[in-house]
């Protein structure tokens, strides 16, 4: 069985899942992940908002070693380096997340990416843990 790492931050298992952020009704700030109070004005007039599925890479790096806790993915010989990017989703919000591409020769600033869901690990019950990532936009997924 597949389960989401953080079910409260996306609409997965929808066919075309979206990330869930929060929008402040007072100052219009948008955040990800969703928060109970606005980090800009401290107001509590926030509501969930679905974020765009497409964005552009603002910054990126390659994670060549397992992150520290609470990282739940593979470690040791099972660890595979992965890309990490700061992605501008439309004109709405910037989101930090995994990239499906980790080859520095294939990553560029400003490249278009689309939201996707990827396997992260297998838990103690044998369930596949799913998380969000961004993949380079191709003609096939435009």
C-alpha atoms as a PDB file:
ATOM      1  CA  UNK A   1       0.000   0.000   0.000  1.00  0.00           C
ATOM      2  CA  UNK A   2       1.203   3.540  -0.725  1.00  0.00           C
ATOM      3  CA  UNK A   3       0.803   6.272   1.885  1.00  0.00           C
ATOM      4  CA  UNK A   4       1.725   9.945   1.892  1.00  0.00           C
ATOM      5  CA  UNK A   5       4.645  11.099   4.024  1.00  0.00           C
ATOM      6  CA  UNK A   6       2.636  14.212   4.970  1.00  0.00           C
ATOM      7  CA  UNK A   7      -1.005  13.789   3.865  1.00  0.00           C
ATOM      8  CA  UNK A   8      -1.997  17.277   5.058  1.00  0.00           C
ATOM      9  CA  UNK A   9       0.163  19.077   2.463  1.00  0.00           C
ATOM     10  CA  UNK A  10      -1.183  17.649  -0.802  1.00  0.00           C
ATOM     11  CA  UNK A  11      -4.306  16.326  -2.470  1.00  0.00           C
ATOM     12  CA  UNK A  12      -2.566  13.040  -3.365  1.00  0.00           C
ATOM     13  CA  UNK A  13      -3.814  10.410  -4.302  1.00  0.00           C
ATOM     14  CA  UNK A  14      -5.771  12.637  -6.724  1.00  0.00           C
ATOM     15  CA  UNK A  15      -4.836  11.921 -10.342  1.00  0.00           C
ATOM     16  CA  UNK A  16      -3.329  15.426 -10.681  1.00  0.00           C
ATOM     17  CA  UNK A  17      -2.363  16.208  -7.072  1.00  0.00           C
ATOM     18  CA  UNK A  18      -1.701  19.735  -5.869  1.00  0.00           C
ATOM     19  CA  UNK A  19       0.177  21.044  -2.867  1.00  0.00           C
ATOM     20  CA  UNK A  20      -1.932  22.695  -0.166  1.00  0.00           C
ATOM     21  CA  UNK A  21      -0.791  26.023   1.219  1.00  0.00           C
ATOM     22  CA  UNK A  22      -2.494  28.654   3.316  1.00  0.00           C
ATOM     23  CA  UNK A  23      -3.604  32.120   2.307  1.00  0.00           C
ATOM     24  CA  UNK A  24      -4.105  35.019   4.704  1.00  0.00           C
ATOM     25  CA  UNK A  25      -7.415  36.809   4.274  1.00  0.00           C
ATOM     26  CA  UNK A  26      -5.988  39.932   5.914  1.00  0.00           C
ATOM     27  CA  UNK A  27      -2.689  40.536   4.074  1.00  0.00           C
ATOM     28  CA  UNK A  28      -2.965  37.957   1.217  1.00  0.00           C
ATOM     29  CA  UNK A  29       0.337  36.244   2.103  1.00  0.00           C
ATOM     30  CA  UNK A  30       0.546  32.644   0.876  1.00  0.00           C
ATOM     31  CA  UNK A  31       2.624  30.019   2.684  1.00  0.00           C
ATOM     32  CA  UNK A  32       3.632  26.413   2.236  1.00  0.00           C
ATOM     33  CA  UNK A  33       3.107  24.231   4.105  1.00  0.00           C
ATOM     34  CA  UNK A  34      -0.234  25.464   5.466  1.00  0.00           C
ATOM     35  CA  UNK A  35      -0.015  27.310   8.764  1.00  0.00           C
ATOM     36  CA  UNK A  36      -2.634  28.229  11.385  1.00  0.00           C
ATOM     37  CA  UNK A  37      -1.365  31.848  11.608  1.00  0.00           C
ATOM     38  CA  UNK A  38       0.058  34.178   9.004  1.00  0.00           C
ATOM     39  CA  UNK A  39       3.840  34.572   9.327  1.00  0.00           C
ATOM     40  CA  UNK A  40       3.631  38.026   7.729  1.00  0.00           C
ATOM     41  CA  UNK A  41       0.931  39.744   9.826  1.00  0.00           C
ATOM     42  CA  UNK A  42       0.407  37.152  12.631  1.00  0.00           C
ATOM     43  CA  UNK A  43      -3.311  37.052  11.847  1.00  0.00           C
ATOM     44  CA  UNK A  44      -5.424  33.935  12.159  1.00  0.00           C
ATOM     45  CA  UNK A  45      -7.649  34.712   9.153  1.00  0.00           C
ATOM     46  CA  UNK A  46      -6.032  31.955   7.056  1.00  0.00           C
ATOM     47  CA  UNK A  47      -7.569  29.328   4.818  1.00  0.00           C
ATOM     48  CA  UNK A  48      -6.266  26.442   2.748  1.00  0.00           C
ATOM     49  CA  UNK A  49      -5.411  27.172  -0.866  1.00  0.00           C
ATOM     50  CA  UNK A  50      -4.418  24.815  -3.688  1.00  0.00           C
ATOM     51  CA  UNK A  51      -1.071  25.790  -5.198  1.00  0.00           C
ATOM     52  CA  UNK A  52      -0.152  25.753  -8.915  1.00  0.00           C
ATOM     53  CA  UNK A  53       1.319  22.482 -10.228  1.00  0.00           C
ATOM     54  CA  UNK A  54       3.888  24.215 -12.462  1.00  0.00           C
ATOM     55  CA  UNK A  55       6.750  26.493 -11.517  1.00  0.00           C
ATOM     56  CA  UNK A  56      10.302  27.577 -12.254  1.00  0.00           C
ATOM     57  CA  UNK A  57      13.523  26.683 -10.457  1.00  0.00           C
ATOM     58  CA  UNK A  58      14.910  29.706  -8.613  1.00  0.00           C
ATOM     59  CA  UNK A  59      17.804  27.894  -6.905  1.00  0.00           C
ATOM     60  CA  UNK A  60      19.002  24.294  -6.705  1.00  0.00           C
ATOM     61  CA  UNK A  61      21.639  21.977  -5.324  1.00  0.00           C
ATOM     62  CA  UNK A  62      22.350  18.259  -5.184  1.00  0.00           C
ATOM     63  CA  UNK A  63      21.978  16.441  -1.859  1.00  0.00           C
ATOM     64  CA  UNK A  64      24.905  14.003  -1.865  1.00  0.00           C
ATOM     65  CA  UNK A  65      24.389  12.524   1.618  1.00  0.00           C
ATOM     66  CA  UNK A  66      21.349  11.545   3.714  1.00  0.00           C
ATOM     67  CA  UNK A  67      19.753  14.515   5.494  1.00  0.00           C
ATOM     68  CA  UNK A  68      19.575  14.552   9.293  1.00  0.00           C
ATOM     69  CA  UNK A  69      16.469  13.761  11.356  1.00  0.00           C
ATOM     70  CA  UNK A  70      13.545  13.633  10.766  1.00  0.00           C
ATOM     71  CA  UNK A  71      14.614  12.315   7.318  1.00  0.00           C
ATOM     72  CA  UNK A  72      12.742   9.063   6.621  1.00  0.00           C
ATOM     73  CA  UNK A  73      14.378   7.960   3.367  1.00  0.00           C
ATOM     74  CA  UNK A  74      17.095   5.467   2.513  1.00  0.00           C
ATOM     75  CA  UNK A  75      20.533   5.699   4.115  1.00  0.00           C
ATOM     76  CA  UNK A  76      23.884   3.959   3.744  1.00  0.00           C
ATOM     77  CA  UNK A  77      24.332   1.938   0.562  1.00  0.00           C
ATOM     78  CA  UNK A  78      20.632   2.446  -0.276  1.00  0.00           C
ATOM     79  CA  UNK A  79      20.957   6.254  -0.429  1.00  0.00           C
ATOM     80  CA  UNK A  80      20.900   7.874  -3.875  1.00  0.00           C
ATOM     81  CA  UNK A  81      21.809  11.573  -4.275  1.00  0.00           C
ATOM     82  CA  UNK A  82      18.891  13.777  -5.249  1.00  0.00           C
ATOM     83  CA  UNK A  83      18.286  17.306  -6.427  1.00  0.00           C
ATOM     84  CA  UNK A  84      16.731  19.909  -4.135  1.00  0.00           C
ATOM     85  CA  UNK A  85      15.253  23.087  -5.499  1.00  0.00           C
ATOM     86  CA  UNK A  86      13.536  26.301  -4.560  1.00  0.00           C
ATOM     87  CA  UNK A  87      10.610  26.492  -6.971  1.00  0.00           C
ATOM     88  CA  UNK A  88       8.507  29.577  -7.693  1.00  0.00           C
ATOM     89  CA  UNK A  89       4.943  28.326  -8.213  1.00  0.00           C
ATOM     90  CA  UNK A  90       3.366  30.852 -10.570  1.00  0.00           C
ATOM     91  CA  UNK A  91       3.291  34.250  -8.887  1.00  0.00           C
ATOM     92  CA  UNK A  92       1.973  32.663  -5.691  1.00  0.00           C
ATOM     93  CA  UNK A  93       4.699  31.203  -3.456  1.00  0.00           C
ATOM     94  CA  UNK A  94       8.173  29.633  -3.400  1.00  0.00           C
ATOM     95  CA  UNK A  95       8.416  26.007  -2.290  1.00  0.00           C
ATOM     96  CA  UNK A  96      11.513  24.012  -1.376  1.00  0.00           C
ATOM     97  CA  UNK A  97      11.332  20.408  -2.515  1.00  0.00           C
ATOM     98  CA  UNK A  98      13.024  17.431  -4.082  1.00  0.00           C
ATOM     99  CA  UNK A  99      13.806  17.485  -7.772  1.00  0.00           C
ATOM    100  CA  UNK A 100      13.532  14.299  -9.812  1.00  0.00           C
ATOM    101  CA  UNK A 101      16.720  15.331 -11.609  1.00  0.00           C
ATOM    102  CA  UNK A 102      20.017  15.365  -9.700  1.00  0.00           C
ATOM    103  CA  UNK A 103      22.533  15.728 -12.538  1.00  0.00           C
ATOM    104  CA  UNK A 104      23.959  19.274 -12.291  1.00  0.00           C
ATOM    105  CA  UNK A 105      24.505  19.284 -16.064  1.00  0.00           C
ATOM    106  CA  UNK A 106      20.742  18.948 -16.562  1.00  0.00           C
ATOM    107  CA  UNK A 107      19.598  21.501 -13.964  1.00  0.00           C
ATOM    108  CA  UNK A 108      19.327  25.190 -14.825  1.00  0.00           C
ATOM    109  CA  UNK A 109      18.045  28.294 -13.111  1.00  0.00           C
ATOM    110  CA  UNK A 110      14.670  29.262 -14.533  1.00  0.00           C
ATOM    111  CA  UNK A 111      13.852  25.791 -15.871  1.00  0.00           C
ATOM    112  CA  UNK A 112      10.161  24.878 -15.797  1.00  0.00           C
ATOM    113  CA  UNK A 113       9.116  22.042 -13.491  1.00  0.00           C
ATOM    114  CA  UNK A 114       5.879  20.241 -12.679  1.00  0.00           C
ATOM    115  CA  UNK A 115       4.684  18.730  -9.423  1.00  0.00           C
ATOM    116  CA  UNK A 116       4.819  14.956  -9.221  1.00  0.00           C
ATOM    117  CA  UNK A 117       4.681  12.360  -6.459  1.00  0.00           C
ATOM    118  CA  UNK A 118       7.600   9.974  -5.939  1.00  0.00           C
ATOM    119  CA  UNK A 119       8.402   7.023  -3.669  1.00  0.00           C
ATOM    120  CA  UNK A 120      10.665   7.918  -0.750  1.00  0.00           C
ATOM    121  CA  UNK A 121      11.012   4.784   1.371  1.00  0.00           C
ATOM    122  CA  UNK A 122       9.314   1.645   2.656  1.00  0.00           C
ATOM    123  CA  UNK A 123       8.069   1.816   6.252  1.00  0.00           C
ATOM    124  CA  UNK A 124       8.156  -0.918   8.907  1.00  0.00           C
ATOM    125  CA  UNK A 125       4.751  -2.209   7.722  1.00  0.00           C
ATOM    126  CA  UNK A 126       5.968  -2.594   4.141  1.00  0.00           C
ATOM    127  CA  UNK A 127       4.013   0.467   2.924  1.00  0.00           C
ATOM    128  CA  UNK A 128       5.586   2.660   0.250  1.00  0.00           C
ATOM    129  CA  UNK A 129       5.985   6.225   1.541  1.00  0.00           C
ATOM    130  CA  UNK A 130       5.164   8.835  -1.128  1.00  0.00           C
ATOM    131  CA  UNK A 131       6.328  12.472  -1.152  1.00  0.00           C
ATOM    132  CA  UNK A 132       6.150  15.388  -3.565  1.00  0.00           C
ATOM    133  CA  UNK A 133       8.887  16.400  -5.978  1.00  0.00           C
ATOM    134  CA  UNK A 134       9.302  18.576  -9.033  1.00  0.00           C
ATOM    135  CA  UNK A 135      10.230  17.143 -12.429  1.00  0.00           C
ATOM    136  CA  UNK A 136      11.497  19.084 -15.442  1.00  0.00           C
ATOM    137  CA  UNK A 137       8.636  20.062 -17.729  1.00  0.00           C
ATOM    138  CA  UNK A 138       8.694  18.289 -21.064  1.00  0.00           C
ATOM    139  CA  UNK A 139       6.458  18.490 -24.105  1.00  0.00           C
ATOM    140  CA  UNK A 140       4.743  15.320 -22.830  1.00  0.00           C
ATOM    141  CA  UNK A 141       3.627  16.919 -19.535  1.00  0.00           C
ATOM    142  CA  UNK A 142       2.783  20.443 -20.797  1.00  0.00           C
END
